[in-house]
Structures are given as structure tokens and as C-alpha cells.
Amino acid sequence: MCKQAAPRAFKLNKNGQAEFQGPGTGSLQELNDAADACPMSAITVIAPT
């Protein structure tokens, strides 16, 4: 789910879990969409200040 919302920001590992690829890999909107779509509520987005 989060991979579809932010395909550059997340990559599936060998266990099928999405792993964040690091800062700058997705827009803030994409990352917020991924957090909203995450079925495990495992993503928290902290906007830059």
C-alpha cells in the first residue's frame, strides 16, 4: 500500500515489507499519502522545519 503511494520512497524487502529508501526519495505529499495508506500505521512523517 505505501509502496504504491510513494514508489520511489519505499522498496519491498525479501519478506515483502516496505523499507524506506531515505530522505529525498519522495515528495512530502507522497510520504503523507503512504502514511495514510499503511495498513500497520507504521509510518510517521515529520515535516522539515
Protein backbone atom coordinates (compact mmCIF):
# COMPACT_ATOMS: atom_id res chain seq x y z
CA MET A 1 0.00 0.00 0.00
CA CYS A 2 2.66 2.53 0.98
CA LYS A 3 4.81 1.44 -1.98
CA GLN A 4 2.00 2.41 -4.36
CA ALA A 5 1.58 5.81 -2.69
CA ALA A 6 5.31 6.62 -2.75
CA PRO A 7 7.02 4.20 -5.16
CA ARG A 8 10.42 5.94 -5.07
CA ALA A 9 10.45 6.17 -1.28
CA PHE A 10 9.75 2.52 -0.46
CA LYS A 11 11.17 -0.76 -1.72
CA LEU A 12 9.92 -4.21 -0.79
CA ASN A 13 12.45 -6.37 1.05
CA LYS A 14 12.73 -10.16 0.74
CA ASN A 15 9.97 -10.56 3.36
CA GLY A 16 7.57 -8.37 1.40
CA GLN A 17 7.88 -5.50 3.87
CA ALA A 18 8.29 -1.95 2.63
CA GLU A 19 11.55 -0.26 3.59
CA PHE A 20 12.08 3.50 3.42
CA GLN A 21 14.82 4.42 0.97
CA GLY A 22 15.85 7.64 2.69
CA PRO A 23 15.26 11.38 2.59
CA GLY A 24 14.64 12.93 -0.82
CA THR A 25 13.12 9.78 -2.33
CA GLY A 26 9.53 11.03 -2.27
CA SER A 27 7.61 14.25 -2.01
CA LEU A 28 6.07 15.29 1.28
CA GLN A 29 2.63 14.66 -0.24
CA GLU A 30 3.63 11.14 -1.36
CA LEU A 31 5.03 10.34 2.08
CA ASN A 32 1.87 11.61 3.79
CA ASP A 33 -0.23 9.51 1.40
CA ALA A 34 1.93 6.48 2.19
CA ALA A 35 1.49 7.04 5.93
CA ASP A 36 -2.28 7.27 5.47
CA ALA A 37 -2.30 4.08 3.37
CA CYS A 38 -0.08 1.99 5.65
CA PRO A 39 -2.19 -0.91 7.00
CA MET A 40 0.07 -1.24 10.06
CA SER A 41 0.20 2.51 10.87
CA ALA A 42 3.97 2.08 10.89
CA ILE A 43 4.85 5.30 9.04
CA THR A 44 5.22 8.66 10.73
CA VAL A 45 6.09 11.69 8.66
CA ILE A 46 7.93 14.52 10.37
CA ALA A 47 7.93 17.57 8.12
CA PRO A 48 11.13 19.58 7.89
CA THR A 49 11.19 22.80 9.87
